[in-house]
Amino acid sequence: MIDLNNHKLELEYPCKWCYKIVLLNEKNAKKITKTILEDREHKITNSKTSAKGKFKSYNVDLTVHSDKDREDLHKKFHSHKDIKMVV
């Protein structure tokens, strides 16, 4: 088995990237994503709903321009008070 923790992700930038975000069902994913990405072009689509319907996940697709850009966006999503998880 390969331990991926010891390997750096090698990407050719700019490239398409998808973040999966998880929110409480009643939260507005489009509004939250807009506050994080501002005028940056992106696409948000529904992904899944939890078995009891409490949480919903969404795919946020956009172009990232560097490792730093990709990691900074992950931190912004992760630090938003209404986003419960980012993958």
C-alpha atoms as a PDB file:
ATOM      1  CA  MET A   1       0.000   0.000   0.000  1.00  0.00           C
ATOM      2  CA  ILE A   2       1.282   3.490  -0.876  1.00  0.00           C
ATOM      3  CA  ASP A   3       1.441   6.048   1.927  1.00  0.00           C
ATOM      4  CA  LEU A   4       0.255   9.217   0.190  1.00  0.00           C
ATOM      5  CA  ASN A   5       1.214  11.371   3.188  1.00  0.00           C
ATOM      6  CA  ASN A   6       4.842  11.112   2.087  1.00  0.00           C
ATOM      7  CA  HIS A   7       4.163  12.332  -1.462  1.00  0.00           C
ATOM      8  CA  LYS A   8       3.609  15.897  -2.608  1.00  0.00           C
ATOM      9  CA  LEU A   9       0.675  16.405  -4.945  1.00  0.00           C
ATOM     10  CA  GLU A  10       2.046  17.393  -8.334  1.00  0.00           C
ATOM     11  CA  LEU A  11      -0.361  19.458 -10.391  1.00  0.00           C
ATOM     12  CA  GLU A  12       0.032  21.528 -13.492  1.00  0.00           C
ATOM     13  CA  TYR A  13      -1.483  24.973 -12.916  1.00  0.00           C
ATOM     14  CA  PRO A  14      -3.871  26.487 -13.661  1.00  0.00           C
ATOM     15  CA  CYS A  15      -6.192  23.486 -13.273  1.00  0.00           C
ATOM     16  CA  LYS A  16      -9.769  22.624 -12.393  1.00  0.00           C
ATOM     17  CA  TRP A  17     -10.344  21.743  -8.725  1.00  0.00           C
ATOM     18  CA  CYS A  18     -13.374  20.563  -6.795  1.00  0.00           C
ATOM     19  CA  TYR A  19     -13.962  21.224  -3.107  1.00  0.00           C
ATOM     20  CA  LYS A  20     -16.718  19.263  -1.390  1.00  0.00           C
ATOM     21  CA  ILE A  21     -18.317  21.259   1.415  1.00  0.00           C
ATOM     22  CA  VAL A  22     -20.781  20.014   4.023  1.00  0.00           C
ATOM     23  CA  LEU A  23     -23.336  22.326   5.656  1.00  0.00           C
ATOM     24  CA  LEU A  24     -26.392  22.065   7.838  1.00  0.00           C
ATOM     25  CA  ASN A  25     -29.358  21.540   5.528  1.00  0.00           C
ATOM     26  CA  GLU A  26     -30.951  24.935   6.238  1.00  0.00           C
ATOM     27  CA  LYS A  27     -27.830  26.949   5.305  1.00  0.00           C
ATOM     28  CA  ASN A  28     -27.584  28.655   1.909  1.00  0.00           C
ATOM     29  CA  ALA A  29     -24.586  27.099   0.149  1.00  0.00           C
ATOM     30  CA  LYS A  30     -24.636  29.537  -2.772  1.00  0.00           C
ATOM     31  CA  LYS A  31     -24.579  32.572  -0.489  1.00  0.00           C
ATOM     32  CA  ILE A  32     -21.802  31.124   1.691  1.00  0.00           C
ATOM     33  CA  THR A  33     -19.695  30.181  -1.327  1.00  0.00           C
ATOM     34  CA  LYS A  34     -20.199  33.646  -2.831  1.00  0.00           C
ATOM     35  CA  THR A  35     -18.925  35.301   0.376  1.00  0.00           C
ATOM     36  CA  ILE A  36     -15.762  33.187   0.242  1.00  0.00           C
ATOM     37  CA  LEU A  37     -15.074  33.328  -3.497  1.00  0.00           C
ATOM     38  CA  GLU A  38     -16.526  36.816  -4.116  1.00  0.00           C
ATOM     39  CA  ASP A  39     -16.443  37.462  -7.886  1.00  0.00           C
ATOM     40  CA  ARG A  40     -14.312  34.439  -8.689  1.00  0.00           C
ATOM     41  CA  GLU A  41     -15.926  32.217 -11.321  1.00  0.00           C
ATOM     42  CA  HIS A  42     -17.170  28.930  -9.856  1.00  0.00           C
ATOM     43  CA  LYS A  43     -19.926  26.355 -10.128  1.00  0.00           C
ATOM     44  CA  ILE A  44     -21.756  24.867  -7.149  1.00  0.00           C
ATOM     45  CA  THR A  45     -23.815  21.687  -7.435  1.00  0.00           C
ATOM     46  CA  ASN A  46     -25.704  19.512  -4.982  1.00  0.00           C
ATOM     47  CA  SER A  47     -23.946  16.317  -3.991  1.00  0.00           C
ATOM     48  CA  LYS A  48     -25.587  14.317  -1.195  1.00  0.00           C
ATOM     49  CA  THR A  49     -27.935  14.667   1.769  1.00  0.00           C
ATOM     50  CA  SER A  50     -27.323  12.822   5.029  1.00  0.00           C
ATOM     51  CA  ALA A  51     -29.597   9.911   5.925  1.00  0.00           C
ATOM     52  CA  LYS A  52     -31.582  11.989   8.436  1.00  0.00           C
ATOM     53  CA  GLY A  53     -31.513  15.104   6.239  1.00  0.00           C
ATOM     54  CA  LYS A  54     -29.581  17.250   8.715  1.00  0.00           C
ATOM     55  CA  PHE A  55     -26.577  17.868   6.434  1.00  0.00           C
ATOM     56  CA  LYS A  56     -26.096  18.501   2.727  1.00  0.00           C
ATOM     57  CA  SER A  57     -22.913  18.357   0.707  1.00  0.00           C
ATOM     58  CA  TYR A  58     -22.077  20.392  -2.365  1.00  0.00           C
ATOM     59  CA  ASN A  59     -19.365  20.345  -5.005  1.00  0.00           C
ATOM     60  CA  VAL A  60     -17.660  23.668  -5.637  1.00  0.00           C
ATOM     61  CA  ASP A  61     -15.783  23.584  -8.956  1.00  0.00           C
ATOM     62  CA  LEU A  62     -13.361  26.304 -10.001  1.00  0.00           C
ATOM     63  CA  THR A  63      -9.926  26.936 -11.466  1.00  0.00           C
ATOM     64  CA  VAL A  64      -6.989  27.185  -9.075  1.00  0.00           C
ATOM     65  CA  HIS A  65      -3.786  28.908 -10.117  1.00  0.00           C
ATOM     66  CA  SER A  66      -1.152  27.529  -7.735  1.00  0.00           C
ATOM     67  CA  ASP A  67      -0.599  25.321  -4.693  1.00  0.00           C
ATOM     68  CA  LYS A  68      -0.906  28.400  -2.509  1.00  0.00           C
ATOM     69  CA  ASP A  69      -4.176  29.434  -4.156  1.00  0.00           C
ATOM     70  CA  ARG A  70      -5.626  25.919  -3.721  1.00  0.00           C
ATOM     71  CA  GLU A  71      -4.534  25.679  -0.082  1.00  0.00           C
ATOM     72  CA  ASP A  72      -5.686  29.219   0.762  1.00  0.00           C
ATOM     73  CA  LEU A  73      -9.148  28.478  -0.590  1.00  0.00           C
ATOM     74  CA  HIS A  74      -9.313  25.274   1.436  1.00  0.00           C
ATOM     75  CA  LYS A  75      -8.471  27.275   4.567  1.00  0.00           C
ATOM     76  CA  LYS A  76     -11.155  29.865   3.758  1.00  0.00           C
ATOM     77  CA  PHE A  77     -13.799  27.179   3.321  1.00  0.00           C
ATOM     78  CA  HIS A  78     -12.619  25.349   6.436  1.00  0.00           C
ATOM     79  CA  SER A  79     -12.671  28.460   8.611  1.00  0.00           C
ATOM     80  CA  HIS A  80     -16.197  29.573   7.634  1.00  0.00           C
ATOM     81  CA  LYS A  81     -18.498  29.171  10.640  1.00  0.00           C
ATOM     82  CA  ASP A  82     -21.301  27.478   8.655  1.00  0.00           C
ATOM     83  CA  ILE A  83     -19.171  24.912   6.819  1.00  0.00           C
ATOM     84  CA  LYS A  84     -18.903  21.743   8.864  1.00  0.00           C
ATOM     85  CA  MET A  85     -16.396  19.897   6.631  1.00  0.00           C
ATOM     86  CA  VAL A  86     -14.277  20.475   3.521  1.00  0.00           C
ATOM     87  CA  VAL A  87     -12.806  17.705   1.393  1.00  0.00           C
END
